[in-house]
Amino acid sequence: MPRYFLVVAGNIGSGKTSLTRLMAARLGWDAFYESVDDNPYLADFYEDMKAWSFHLQVFFLGHRAQTHRYLCCQHANSSILDRSIYEDAEIFARALFDMGNLGERDLKAYRGVYDQTIASLPAPSLMIYLRATVPTLLERIRKRARGIETGITADYLLLLNSFYEQWLERFDLCPVLTIPSDELDFVAYEQHLTIIVNRVLDRLKGKEEIRFQ
């Protein structure tokens, strides 16, 4: 049996964690999630973003690189990872810089380490990108009611969405399957999850079909 390593990318509230969990359960693969509890900088970051942005980004980079390499090269079973290492630099570090919380000197230093790290990592088998509009993201964030997310604004989500679209236009390290997360509610409807799982398996097996309506 081939062994696959998938990453799930997307904005806050797009459904990454839910899709990771549901797909792993459906396929019998292993699910891995973004580390929060063992992050020594997260609390300081939310107290003073400008002072701790660089530290937080470096920690995430090291942690994600370790996880990425393990799943690509050592883990015995097929796996799905909630959030990719690429989003740290291409989306969130860029947003921190755009908002004035990460200086140009720190961004340049971080990008240098990031670029060297990515060059040494094997690519995933597939990236799943969950695309969702801001109203959908806001509604899902409201429903899950995480205290840490109370300050997230529509403008911030719109900024991140623009960065995702720009990044994916040039991303070429592995195949990308874009899922319209506004239209497919894979949490509420099992048939929607089936559609996604079937498309993922087809892409992994190299199957493509052009349909004329």
N, C-alpha and C. Protein backbone atom coordinates (compact mmCIF):
# COMPACT_ATOMS: atom_id res chain seq x y z
N MET A 1 0.84 -1.20 0.00
CA MET A 1 0.00 0.00 0.00
C MET A 1 0.87 1.24 0.00
N PRO A 2 0.59 2.22 -0.88
CA PRO A 2 1.36 3.47 -0.84
C PRO A 2 1.11 4.23 0.44
N ARG A 3 2.10 5.01 0.85
CA ARG A 3 1.96 5.83 2.05
C ARG A 3 1.91 7.29 1.62
N TYR A 4 0.89 7.99 2.07
CA TYR A 4 0.67 9.36 1.66
C TYR A 4 0.81 10.31 2.85
N PHE A 5 1.20 11.55 2.53
CA PHE A 5 1.26 12.62 3.52
C PHE A 5 0.55 13.83 2.93
N LEU A 6 -0.59 14.19 3.52
CA LEU A 6 -1.39 15.32 3.06
C LEU A 6 -1.34 16.46 4.07
N VAL A 7 -1.40 17.69 3.58
CA VAL A 7 -1.52 18.85 4.45
C VAL A 7 -2.81 19.58 4.09
N VAL A 8 -3.47 20.13 5.11
CA VAL A 8 -4.71 20.88 4.91
C VAL A 8 -4.43 22.35 5.22
N ALA A 9 -4.66 23.21 4.24
CA ALA A 9 -4.39 24.64 4.38
C ALA A 9 -5.69 25.41 4.28
N GLY A 10 -5.70 26.60 4.88
CA GLY A 10 -6.88 27.45 4.78
C GLY A 10 -6.94 28.46 5.90
N ASN A 11 -7.77 29.45 5.71
CA ASN A 11 -7.91 30.56 6.65
C ASN A 11 -8.51 30.07 7.98
N ILE A 12 -8.46 30.92 8.97
CA ILE A 12 -9.06 30.64 10.28
C ILE A 12 -10.56 30.42 10.11
N GLY A 13 -11.06 29.27 10.59
CA GLY A 13 -12.47 28.98 10.47
C GLY A 13 -12.88 28.29 9.20
N SER A 14 -11.93 27.94 8.34
CA SER A 14 -12.28 27.31 7.06
C SER A 14 -12.64 25.84 7.21
N GLY A 15 -12.29 25.22 8.35
CA GLY A 15 -12.65 23.82 8.57
C GLY A 15 -11.50 22.85 8.52
N LYS A 16 -10.27 23.33 8.66
CA LYS A 16 -9.08 22.47 8.55
C LYS A 16 -9.08 21.33 9.56
N THR A 17 -9.31 21.67 10.82
CA THR A 17 -9.26 20.66 11.87
C THR A 17 -10.36 19.62 11.69
N SER A 18 -11.55 20.06 11.35
CA SER A 18 -12.67 19.14 11.14
C SER A 18 -12.40 18.22 9.95
N LEU A 19 -11.91 18.78 8.85
CA LEU A 19 -11.64 17.95 7.67
C LEU A 19 -10.51 16.96 7.96
N THR A 20 -9.48 17.41 8.66
CA THR A 20 -8.38 16.51 9.03
C THR A 20 -8.90 15.33 9.83
N ARG A 21 -9.72 15.62 10.84
CA ARG A 21 -10.25 14.56 11.70
C ARG A 21 -11.17 13.61 10.93
N LEU A 22 -12.08 14.16 10.13
CA LEU A 22 -13.06 13.33 9.43
C LEU A 22 -12.43 12.50 8.33
N MET A 23 -11.50 13.09 7.58
CA MET A 23 -10.83 12.33 6.52
C MET A 23 -9.97 11.21 7.09
N ALA A 24 -9.25 11.51 8.16
CA ALA A 24 -8.41 10.49 8.78
C ALA A 24 -9.25 9.32 9.27
N ALA A 25 -10.40 9.63 9.88
CA ALA A 25 -11.28 8.56 10.36
C ALA A 25 -11.85 7.75 9.20
N ARG A 26 -12.23 8.42 8.12
CA ARG A 26 -12.82 7.73 6.97
C ARG A 26 -11.79 6.81 6.28
N LEU A 27 -10.56 7.29 6.17
CA LEU A 27 -9.55 6.56 5.41
C LEU A 27 -8.70 5.62 6.27
N GLY A 28 -8.82 5.74 7.60
CA GLY A 28 -7.96 4.94 8.47
C GLY A 28 -6.54 5.47 8.52
N TRP A 29 -6.38 6.76 8.27
CA TRP A 29 -5.06 7.40 8.33
C TRP A 29 -4.88 8.04 9.70
N ASP A 30 -3.71 8.60 9.92
CA ASP A 30 -3.41 9.26 11.20
C ASP A 30 -3.53 10.77 11.03
N ALA A 31 -4.17 11.40 12.00
CA ALA A 31 -4.37 12.85 11.98
C ALA A 31 -3.39 13.53 12.93
N PHE A 32 -2.82 14.64 12.49
CA PHE A 32 -1.91 15.44 13.31
C PHE A 32 -2.38 16.88 13.27
N TYR A 33 -2.27 17.55 14.44
CA TYR A 33 -2.87 18.87 14.58
C TYR A 33 -1.86 19.91 15.00
N GLU A 34 -2.22 21.17 14.76
CA GLU A 34 -1.39 22.30 15.13
C GLU A 34 -1.12 22.32 16.63
N SER A 35 0.14 22.50 17.01
CA SER A 35 0.51 22.50 18.42
C SER A 35 0.24 23.87 19.04
N VAL A 36 -0.49 23.87 20.16
CA VAL A 36 -0.80 25.11 20.87
C VAL A 36 -0.36 25.02 22.33
N ASP A 37 -0.74 23.93 23.00
CA ASP A 37 -0.52 23.80 24.44
C ASP A 37 0.95 23.86 24.83
N ASP A 38 1.84 23.35 23.97
CA ASP A 38 3.26 23.33 24.33
C ASP A 38 4.04 24.49 23.73
N ASN A 39 3.32 25.53 23.27
CA ASN A 39 3.98 26.69 22.69
C ASN A 39 4.35 27.68 23.80
N PRO A 40 5.64 27.89 24.06
CA PRO A 40 6.04 28.74 25.19
C PRO A 40 5.89 30.24 24.92
N TYR A 41 5.56 30.61 23.68
CA TYR A 41 5.49 32.03 23.33
C TYR A 41 4.07 32.55 23.11
N LEU A 42 3.10 31.65 23.04
CA LEU A 42 1.77 32.07 22.61
C LEU A 42 1.13 33.08 23.57
N ALA A 43 1.21 32.82 24.86
CA ALA A 43 0.60 33.74 25.83
C ALA A 43 1.27 35.12 25.77
N ASP A 44 2.60 35.14 25.69
CA ASP A 44 3.33 36.41 25.58
C ASP A 44 2.97 37.14 24.29
N PHE A 45 2.80 36.37 23.21
CA PHE A 45 2.46 36.95 21.92
C PHE A 45 1.13 37.71 21.99
N TYR A 46 0.14 37.12 22.63
CA TYR A 46 -1.16 37.78 22.70
C TYR A 46 -1.15 38.96 23.66
N GLU A 47 -0.19 39.00 24.56
CA GLU A 47 -0.04 40.16 25.44
C GLU A 47 0.65 41.32 24.73
N ASP A 48 1.63 40.99 23.85
CA ASP A 48 2.40 42.03 23.16
C ASP A 48 2.89 41.46 21.83
N MET A 49 2.09 41.58 20.80
CA MET A 49 2.40 40.97 19.51
C MET A 49 3.68 41.52 18.88
N LYS A 50 3.89 42.80 19.05
CA LYS A 50 5.05 43.41 18.42
C LYS A 50 6.35 42.89 19.03
N ALA A 51 6.34 42.64 20.33
CA ALA A 51 7.55 42.17 21.01
C ALA A 51 7.83 40.70 20.76
N TRP A 52 6.78 39.89 20.52
CA TRP A 52 6.96 38.44 20.51
C TRP A 52 6.65 37.78 19.17
N SER A 53 6.35 38.54 18.14
CA SER A 53 6.01 37.94 16.84
C SER A 53 7.15 37.11 16.27
N PHE A 54 8.36 37.66 16.32
CA PHE A 54 9.51 36.95 15.75
C PHE A 54 9.75 35.63 16.48
N HIS A 55 9.70 35.67 17.80
CA HIS A 55 9.92 34.47 18.60
C HIS A 55 8.87 33.40 18.28
N LEU A 56 7.64 33.84 18.19
CA LEU A 56 6.55 32.90 17.90
C LEU A 56 6.73 32.25 16.54
N GLN A 57 7.06 33.05 15.54
CA GLN A 57 7.22 32.51 14.19
C GLN A 57 8.38 31.52 14.12
N VAL A 58 9.46 31.81 14.79
CA VAL A 58 10.61 30.90 14.79
C VAL A 58 10.25 29.59 15.47
N PHE A 59 9.51 29.67 16.59
CA PHE A 59 9.09 28.44 17.27
C PHE A 59 8.21 27.59 16.35
N PHE A 60 7.21 28.23 15.74
CA PHE A 60 6.32 27.49 14.84
C PHE A 60 7.10 26.85 13.70
N LEU A 61 8.05 27.57 13.14
CA LEU A 61 8.84 27.05 12.03
C LEU A 61 9.58 25.78 12.43
N GLY A 62 10.26 25.82 13.57
CA GLY A 62 11.01 24.65 14.02
C GLY A 62 10.09 23.48 14.33
N HIS A 63 8.99 23.75 14.99
CA HIS A 63 8.06 22.68 15.36
C HIS A 63 7.42 22.07 14.12
N ARG A 64 6.98 22.90 13.20
CA ARG A 64 6.34 22.38 11.99
C ARG A 64 7.33 21.64 11.10
N ALA A 65 8.55 22.11 11.02
CA ALA A 65 9.56 21.42 10.21
C ALA A 65 9.82 20.02 10.77
N GLN A 66 9.90 19.92 12.07
CA GLN A 66 10.12 18.62 12.71
C GLN A 66 8.96 17.66 12.42
N THR A 67 7.74 18.17 12.56
CA THR A 67 6.56 17.34 12.30
C THR A 67 6.47 16.95 10.83
N HIS A 68 6.70 17.91 9.94
CA HIS A 68 6.64 17.68 8.50
C HIS A 68 7.64 16.60 8.09
N ARG A 69 8.86 16.70 8.55
CA ARG A 69 9.90 15.73 8.18
C ARG A 69 9.56 14.34 8.72
N TYR A 70 9.04 14.30 9.93
CA TYR A 70 8.69 13.00 10.53
C TYR A 70 7.59 12.32 9.71
N LEU A 71 6.56 13.07 9.34
CA LEU A 71 5.45 12.47 8.61
C LEU A 71 5.83 12.08 7.20
N CYS A 72 6.71 12.86 6.58
CA CYS A 72 7.18 12.53 5.23
C CYS A 72 8.09 11.31 5.21
N CYS A 73 8.96 11.23 6.19
CA CYS A 73 10.09 10.30 6.08
C CYS A 73 10.09 9.15 7.07
N GLN A 74 9.39 9.27 8.19
CA GLN A 74 9.52 8.26 9.23
C GLN A 74 8.21 7.60 9.63
N HIS A 75 7.13 8.33 9.61
CA HIS A 75 5.86 7.79 10.08
C HIS A 75 5.41 6.64 9.18
N ALA A 76 4.96 5.55 9.78
CA ALA A 76 4.69 4.34 9.02
C ALA A 76 3.38 4.38 8.26
N ASN A 77 2.41 5.13 8.75
CA ASN A 77 1.08 5.14 8.15
C ASN A 77 0.86 6.41 7.34
N SER A 78 -0.12 6.40 6.45
CA SER A 78 -0.53 7.61 5.76
C SER A 78 -1.08 8.60 6.79
N SER A 79 -0.88 9.90 6.54
CA SER A 79 -1.22 10.89 7.55
C SER A 79 -1.75 12.16 6.91
N ILE A 80 -2.50 12.92 7.73
CA ILE A 80 -3.05 14.21 7.32
C ILE A 80 -2.68 15.22 8.40
N LEU A 81 -2.12 16.35 7.98
CA LEU A 81 -1.66 17.38 8.92
C LEU A 81 -2.52 18.63 8.81
N ASP A 82 -3.03 19.06 9.94
CA ASP A 82 -3.82 20.29 10.04
C ASP A 82 -2.89 21.50 10.02
N ARG A 83 -2.87 22.23 8.95
CA ARG A 83 -2.07 23.40 8.63
C ARG A 83 -0.67 23.02 8.18
N SER A 84 -0.24 23.66 7.10
CA SER A 84 1.07 23.38 6.51
C SER A 84 2.13 24.33 7.06
N ILE A 85 3.37 23.92 6.92
CA ILE A 85 4.49 24.78 7.32
C ILE A 85 4.57 26.02 6.43
N TYR A 86 4.08 25.90 5.20
CA TYR A 86 4.20 27.00 4.24
C TYR A 86 3.37 28.22 4.66
N GLU A 87 2.25 28.00 5.31
CA GLU A 87 1.38 29.10 5.69
C GLU A 87 2.00 30.03 6.72
N ASP A 88 2.89 29.50 7.54
CA ASP A 88 3.54 30.34 8.56
C ASP A 88 4.21 31.56 7.93
N ALA A 89 4.97 31.31 6.88
CA ALA A 89 5.72 32.40 6.24
C ALA A 89 4.86 33.15 5.22
N GLU A 90 4.16 32.39 4.38
CA GLU A 90 3.47 33.00 3.25
C GLU A 90 2.20 33.76 3.65
N ILE A 91 1.63 33.40 4.78
CA ILE A 91 0.39 34.05 5.21
C ILE A 91 0.58 34.83 6.50
N PHE A 92 0.97 34.15 7.58
CA PHE A 92 0.90 34.77 8.90
C PHE A 92 2.09 35.69 9.20
N ALA A 93 3.29 35.33 8.81
CA ALA A 93 4.41 36.25 8.99
C ALA A 93 4.20 37.49 8.12
N ARG A 94 3.68 37.28 6.93
CA ARG A 94 3.40 38.41 6.04
C ARG A 94 2.34 39.32 6.63
N ALA A 95 1.32 38.73 7.25
CA ALA A 95 0.27 39.54 7.88
C ALA A 95 0.81 40.31 9.08
N LEU A 96 1.66 39.68 9.87
CA LEU A 96 2.27 40.36 11.02
C LEU A 96 3.09 41.57 10.55
N PHE A 97 3.81 41.39 9.45
CA PHE A 97 4.58 42.50 8.90
C PHE A 97 3.65 43.61 8.38
N ASP A 98 2.61 43.20 7.68
CA ASP A 98 1.67 44.16 7.11
C ASP A 98 1.00 45.01 8.20
N MET A 99 0.76 44.41 9.35
CA MET A 99 0.09 45.11 10.45
C MET A 99 1.07 45.83 11.38
N GLY A 100 2.36 45.76 11.08
CA GLY A 100 3.36 46.47 11.87
C GLY A 100 3.82 45.74 13.11
N ASN A 101 3.50 44.45 13.23
CA ASN A 101 3.90 43.68 14.41
C ASN A 101 5.21 42.91 14.21
N LEU A 102 5.71 42.90 12.99
CA LEU A 102 6.98 42.24 12.68
C LEU A 102 7.79 43.18 11.80
N GLY A 103 8.97 43.55 12.27
CA GLY A 103 9.78 44.51 11.53
C GLY A 103 10.42 43.92 10.29
N GLU A 104 10.85 44.78 9.38
CA GLU A 104 11.45 44.32 8.13
C GLU A 104 12.71 43.50 8.36
N ARG A 105 13.55 43.92 9.32
CA ARG A 105 14.78 43.18 9.61
C ARG A 105 14.46 41.77 10.12
N ASP A 106 13.49 41.66 11.03
CA ASP A 106 13.12 40.35 11.55
C ASP A 106 12.46 39.48 10.48
N LEU A 107 11.65 40.08 9.64
CA LEU A 107 11.01 39.32 8.57
C LEU A 107 12.06 38.76 7.62
N LYS A 108 13.04 39.57 7.27
CA LYS A 108 14.09 39.11 6.36
C LYS A 108 14.89 37.97 6.98
N ALA A 109 15.22 38.09 8.26
CA ALA A 109 15.96 37.02 8.94
C ALA A 109 15.13 35.74 9.01
N TYR A 110 13.85 35.90 9.33
CA TYR A 110 12.96 34.74 9.41
C TYR A 110 12.82 34.07 8.05
N ARG A 111 12.62 34.86 6.99
CA ARG A 111 12.46 34.29 5.66
C ARG A 111 13.70 33.54 5.21
N GLY A 112 14.88 34.04 5.61
CA GLY A 112 16.10 33.33 5.25
C GLY A 112 16.15 31.94 5.85
N VAL A 113 15.78 31.83 7.11
CA VAL A 113 15.75 30.52 7.77
C VAL A 113 14.64 29.66 7.17
N TYR A 114 13.50 30.27 6.93
CA TYR A 114 12.37 29.54 6.35
C TYR A 114 12.74 28.95 4.98
N ASP A 115 13.32 29.75 4.12
CA ASP A 115 13.67 29.29 2.77
C ASP A 115 14.64 28.12 2.82
N GLN A 116 15.63 28.19 3.70
CA GLN A 116 16.58 27.09 3.84
C GLN A 116 15.90 25.84 4.37
N THR A 117 14.99 26.03 5.30
CA THR A 117 14.26 24.89 5.88
C THR A 117 13.40 24.20 4.83
N ILE A 118 12.64 24.98 4.07
CA ILE A 118 11.75 24.40 3.06
C ILE A 118 12.55 23.67 1.99
N ALA A 119 13.70 24.20 1.64
CA ALA A 119 14.52 23.56 0.60
C ALA A 119 14.99 22.17 1.02
N SER A 120 15.03 21.92 2.33
CA SER A 120 15.52 20.63 2.81
C SER A 120 14.40 19.64 3.12
N LEU A 121 13.14 20.06 2.97
CA LEU A 121 12.01 19.19 3.32
C LEU A 121 11.40 18.54 2.08
N PRO A 122 11.08 17.25 2.16
CA PRO A 122 10.33 16.62 1.06
C PRO A 122 8.95 17.25 0.95
N ALA A 123 8.41 17.25 -0.24
CA ALA A 123 7.08 17.83 -0.46
C ALA A 123 5.99 16.85 -0.02
N PRO A 124 4.84 17.36 0.40
CA PRO A 124 3.69 16.48 0.70
C PRO A 124 3.19 15.80 -0.57
N SER A 125 2.40 14.77 -0.38
CA SER A 125 1.77 14.11 -1.53
C SER A 125 0.72 15.02 -2.16
N LEU A 126 0.04 15.80 -1.33
CA LEU A 126 -1.04 16.67 -1.80
C LEU A 126 -1.34 17.73 -0.74
N MET A 127 -1.67 18.93 -1.19
CA MET A 127 -2.20 19.96 -0.30
C MET A 127 -3.67 20.16 -0.61
N ILE A 128 -4.50 20.14 0.43
CA ILE A 128 -5.91 20.47 0.30
C ILE A 128 -6.09 21.90 0.79
N TYR A 129 -6.60 22.75 -0.06
CA TYR A 129 -6.85 24.14 0.31
C TYR A 129 -8.34 24.37 0.46
N LEU A 130 -8.76 24.76 1.65
CA LEU A 130 -10.16 25.07 1.92
C LEU A 130 -10.40 26.56 1.69
N ARG A 131 -11.12 26.87 0.64
CA ARG A 131 -11.40 28.27 0.30
C ARG A 131 -12.78 28.64 0.84
N ALA A 132 -12.83 29.73 1.61
CA ALA A 132 -14.11 30.17 2.18
C ALA A 132 -14.15 31.69 2.20
N THR A 133 -15.34 32.24 2.05
CA THR A 133 -15.51 33.69 2.10
C THR A 133 -15.54 34.16 3.55
N VAL A 134 -15.35 35.45 3.73
CA VAL A 134 -15.28 36.02 5.08
C VAL A 134 -16.56 35.79 5.88
N PRO A 135 -17.77 35.98 5.32
CA PRO A 135 -18.98 35.71 6.11
C PRO A 135 -19.03 34.27 6.64
N THR A 136 -18.62 33.31 5.83
CA THR A 136 -18.59 31.91 6.28
C THR A 136 -17.58 31.73 7.41
N LEU A 137 -16.41 32.32 7.26
CA LEU A 137 -15.37 32.21 8.29
C LEU A 137 -15.85 32.81 9.60
N LEU A 138 -16.44 34.00 9.54
CA LEU A 138 -16.92 34.67 10.75
C LEU A 138 -17.99 33.85 11.45
N GLU A 139 -18.90 33.27 10.68
CA GLU A 139 -19.97 32.48 11.28
C GLU A 139 -19.42 31.24 11.97
N ARG A 140 -18.46 30.58 11.36
CA ARG A 140 -17.88 29.39 11.97
C ARG A 140 -17.05 29.74 13.21
N ILE A 141 -16.35 30.85 13.15
CA ILE A 141 -15.60 31.30 14.33
C ILE A 141 -16.56 31.63 15.47
N ARG A 142 -17.69 32.27 15.14
CA ARG A 142 -18.68 32.60 16.16
C ARG A 142 -19.25 31.34 16.81
N LYS A 143 -19.55 30.34 15.99
CA LYS A 143 -20.17 29.11 16.49
C LYS A 143 -19.24 28.34 17.43
N ARG A 144 -17.94 28.30 17.11
CA ARG A 144 -17.05 27.51 17.97
C ARG A 144 -16.62 28.29 19.22
N ALA A 145 -16.79 29.59 19.22
CA ALA A 145 -16.67 30.42 20.43
C ALA A 145 -15.40 30.17 21.23
N ARG A 146 -14.26 30.24 20.55
CA ARG A 146 -12.98 30.14 21.25
C ARG A 146 -12.58 31.52 21.75
N GLY A 147 -12.27 31.60 23.04
CA GLY A 147 -11.93 32.89 23.63
C GLY A 147 -10.76 33.56 22.94
N ILE A 148 -9.80 32.76 22.49
CA ILE A 148 -8.59 33.30 21.88
C ILE A 148 -8.89 33.98 20.53
N GLU A 149 -10.08 33.70 19.96
CA GLU A 149 -10.42 34.21 18.63
C GLU A 149 -11.40 35.39 18.66
N THR A 150 -11.70 35.90 19.84
CA THR A 150 -12.72 36.95 19.95
C THR A 150 -12.32 38.24 19.24
N GLY A 151 -11.03 38.49 19.08
CA GLY A 151 -10.59 39.73 18.45
C GLY A 151 -10.42 39.66 16.95
N ILE A 152 -10.73 38.53 16.34
CA ILE A 152 -10.56 38.37 14.90
C ILE A 152 -11.62 39.17 14.16
N THR A 153 -11.18 40.01 13.23
CA THR A 153 -12.09 40.90 12.51
C THR A 153 -12.26 40.45 11.06
N ALA A 154 -13.31 40.98 10.44
CA ALA A 154 -13.55 40.70 9.02
C ALA A 154 -12.40 41.22 8.17
N ASP A 155 -11.86 42.37 8.51
CA ASP A 155 -10.74 42.93 7.74
C ASP A 155 -9.51 42.03 7.80
N TYR A 156 -9.25 41.47 8.97
CA TYR A 156 -8.09 40.58 9.12
C TYR A 156 -8.28 39.31 8.28
N LEU A 157 -9.47 38.73 8.33
CA LEU A 157 -9.75 37.53 7.54
C LEU A 157 -9.66 37.82 6.04
N LEU A 158 -10.14 39.00 5.65
CA LEU A 158 -10.06 39.40 4.24
C LEU A 158 -8.61 39.54 3.80
N LEU A 159 -7.78 40.12 4.66
CA LEU A 159 -6.35 40.24 4.37
C LEU A 159 -5.72 38.86 4.19
N LEU A 160 -6.01 37.94 5.11
CA LEU A 160 -5.45 36.59 5.01
C LEU A 160 -5.93 35.89 3.74
N ASN A 161 -7.21 36.04 3.43
CA ASN A 161 -7.73 35.43 2.20
C ASN A 161 -6.98 35.93 0.97
N SER A 162 -6.68 37.23 0.92
CA SER A 162 -5.95 37.77 -0.22
C SER A 162 -4.55 37.19 -0.30
N PHE A 163 -3.92 36.99 0.85
CA PHE A 163 -2.58 36.40 0.87
C PHE A 163 -2.62 34.94 0.43
N TYR A 164 -3.65 34.22 0.84
CA TYR A 164 -3.79 32.82 0.41
C TYR A 164 -3.90 32.72 -1.11
N GLU A 165 -4.73 33.56 -1.69
CA GLU A 165 -4.93 33.49 -3.14
C GLU A 165 -3.65 33.86 -3.89
N GLN A 166 -2.94 34.87 -3.44
CA GLN A 166 -1.69 35.26 -4.08
C GLN A 166 -0.64 34.15 -3.97
N TRP A 167 -0.57 33.56 -2.80
CA TRP A 167 0.41 32.49 -2.57
C TRP A 167 0.13 31.27 -3.45
N LEU A 168 -1.13 30.86 -3.51
CA LEU A 168 -1.45 29.64 -4.24
C LEU A 168 -1.32 29.80 -5.75
N GLU A 169 -1.35 31.03 -6.22
CA GLU A 169 -1.11 31.27 -7.65
C GLU A 169 0.30 30.84 -8.05
N ARG A 170 1.25 30.92 -7.12
CA ARG A 170 2.64 30.60 -7.48
C ARG A 170 3.15 29.32 -6.79
N PHE A 171 2.35 28.71 -5.95
CA PHE A 171 2.79 27.51 -5.23
C PHE A 171 2.89 26.33 -6.18
N ASP A 172 4.05 25.68 -6.19
CA ASP A 172 4.25 24.57 -7.13
C ASP A 172 5.05 23.41 -6.51
N LEU A 173 5.09 23.33 -5.19
CA LEU A 173 5.89 22.27 -4.55
C LEU A 173 5.17 20.93 -4.57
N CYS A 174 3.85 20.93 -4.64
CA CYS A 174 3.09 19.69 -4.70
C CYS A 174 1.73 20.00 -5.32
N PRO A 175 0.98 18.99 -5.73
CA PRO A 175 -0.37 19.24 -6.25
C PRO A 175 -1.27 19.87 -5.19
N VAL A 176 -2.21 20.69 -5.64
CA VAL A 176 -3.16 21.35 -4.74
C VAL A 176 -4.58 21.03 -5.18
N LEU A 177 -5.40 20.60 -4.23
CA LEU A 177 -6.83 20.39 -4.49
C LEU A 177 -7.59 21.45 -3.70
N THR A 178 -8.27 22.35 -4.40
CA THR A 178 -9.02 23.42 -3.76
C THR A 178 -10.46 22.99 -3.53
N ILE A 179 -10.91 23.11 -2.28
CA ILE A 179 -12.26 22.72 -1.89
C ILE A 179 -13.09 23.98 -1.62
N PRO A 180 -14.23 24.16 -2.28
CA PRO A 180 -15.10 25.32 -1.99
C PRO A 180 -15.82 25.10 -0.66
N SER A 181 -15.24 25.59 0.40
CA SER A 181 -15.73 25.32 1.75
C SER A 181 -17.05 26.00 2.06
N ASP A 182 -17.40 27.05 1.32
CA ASP A 182 -18.73 27.66 1.47
C ASP A 182 -19.83 26.69 1.03
N GLU A 183 -19.55 25.92 0.00
CA GLU A 183 -20.57 25.10 -0.66
C GLU A 183 -20.62 23.67 -0.12
N LEU A 184 -19.50 23.16 0.38
CA LEU A 184 -19.45 21.78 0.87
C LEU A 184 -19.34 21.78 2.39
N ASP A 185 -20.42 21.39 3.06
CA ASP A 185 -20.42 21.31 4.52
C ASP A 185 -20.14 19.86 4.90
N PHE A 186 -18.87 19.52 4.96
CA PHE A 186 -18.47 18.12 5.20
C PHE A 186 -18.65 17.70 6.65
N VAL A 187 -18.95 18.65 7.54
CA VAL A 187 -19.24 18.30 8.93
C VAL A 187 -20.70 17.86 9.06
N ALA A 188 -21.61 18.60 8.44
CA ALA A 188 -23.04 18.31 8.57
C ALA A 188 -23.52 17.22 7.62
N TYR A 189 -22.87 17.11 6.45
CA TYR A 189 -23.37 16.20 5.42
C TYR A 189 -22.29 15.19 5.04
N GLU A 190 -22.57 13.92 5.34
CA GLU A 190 -21.59 12.88 5.05
C GLU A 190 -21.32 12.75 3.56
N GLN A 191 -22.34 13.03 2.73
CA GLN A 191 -22.14 12.92 1.29
C GLN A 191 -21.15 13.95 0.78
N HIS A 192 -21.08 15.11 1.45
CA HIS A 192 -20.09 16.11 1.06
C HIS A 192 -18.69 15.64 1.40
N LEU A 193 -18.54 15.00 2.54
CA LEU A 193 -17.24 14.41 2.88
C LEU A 193 -16.86 13.34 1.87
N THR A 194 -17.82 12.55 1.43
CA THR A 194 -17.54 11.50 0.44
C THR A 194 -17.03 12.11 -0.86
N ILE A 195 -17.64 13.21 -1.28
CA ILE A 195 -17.19 13.89 -2.50
C ILE A 195 -15.71 14.28 -2.37
N ILE A 196 -15.36 14.87 -1.23
CA ILE A 196 -13.99 15.34 -1.03
C ILE A 196 -13.02 14.16 -0.97
N VAL A 197 -13.38 13.13 -0.22
CA VAL A 197 -12.50 11.96 -0.09
C VAL A 197 -12.26 11.32 -1.46
N ASN A 198 -13.30 11.19 -2.25
CA ASN A 198 -13.14 10.59 -3.58
C ASN A 198 -12.26 11.43 -4.48
N ARG A 199 -12.42 12.75 -4.42
CA ARG A 199 -11.56 13.62 -5.24
C ARG A 199 -10.11 13.54 -4.79
N VAL A 200 -9.89 13.48 -3.48
CA VAL A 200 -8.53 13.36 -2.96
C VAL A 200 -7.89 12.06 -3.44
N LEU A 201 -8.60 10.96 -3.32
CA LEU A 201 -8.06 9.67 -3.74
C LEU A 201 -7.77 9.65 -5.23
N ASP A 202 -8.65 10.26 -6.02
CA ASP A 202 -8.42 10.34 -7.47
C ASP A 202 -7.14 11.12 -7.77
N ARG A 203 -6.95 12.25 -7.09
CA ARG A 203 -5.75 13.04 -7.33
C ARG A 203 -4.49 12.28 -6.93
N LEU A 204 -4.56 11.57 -5.81
CA LEU A 204 -3.39 10.81 -5.36
C LEU A 204 -3.05 9.68 -6.32
N LYS A 205 -4.07 9.13 -6.98
CA LYS A 205 -3.85 8.04 -7.92
C LYS A 205 -3.62 8.53 -9.35
N GLY A 206 -3.59 9.85 -9.52
CA GLY A 206 -3.31 10.44 -10.83
C GLY A 206 -4.48 10.43 -11.78
N LYS A 207 -5.70 10.31 -11.26
CA LYS A 207 -6.87 10.28 -12.11
C LYS A 207 -7.43 11.68 -12.30
N GLU A 208 -7.71 12.04 -13.54
CA GLU A 208 -8.35 13.32 -13.84
C GLU A 208 -9.40 13.09 -14.90
N GLU A 209 -10.50 13.82 -14.80
CA GLU A 209 -11.58 13.67 -15.78
C GLU A 209 -12.14 15.04 -16.09
N ILE A 210 -12.26 15.35 -17.38
CA ILE A 210 -12.89 16.59 -17.83
C ILE A 210 -14.36 16.30 -18.14
N ARG A 211 -15.24 17.07 -17.53
CA ARG A 211 -16.68 16.88 -17.75
C ARG A 211 -17.24 18.11 -18.48
N PHE A 212 -18.03 17.85 -19.51
CA PHE A 212 -18.72 18.92 -20.21
C PHE A 212 -20.18 18.87 -19.81
N GLN A 213 -20.69 19.99 -19.31
CA GLN A 213 -22.08 20.04 -18.83
C GLN A 213 -23.04 20.27 -20.01
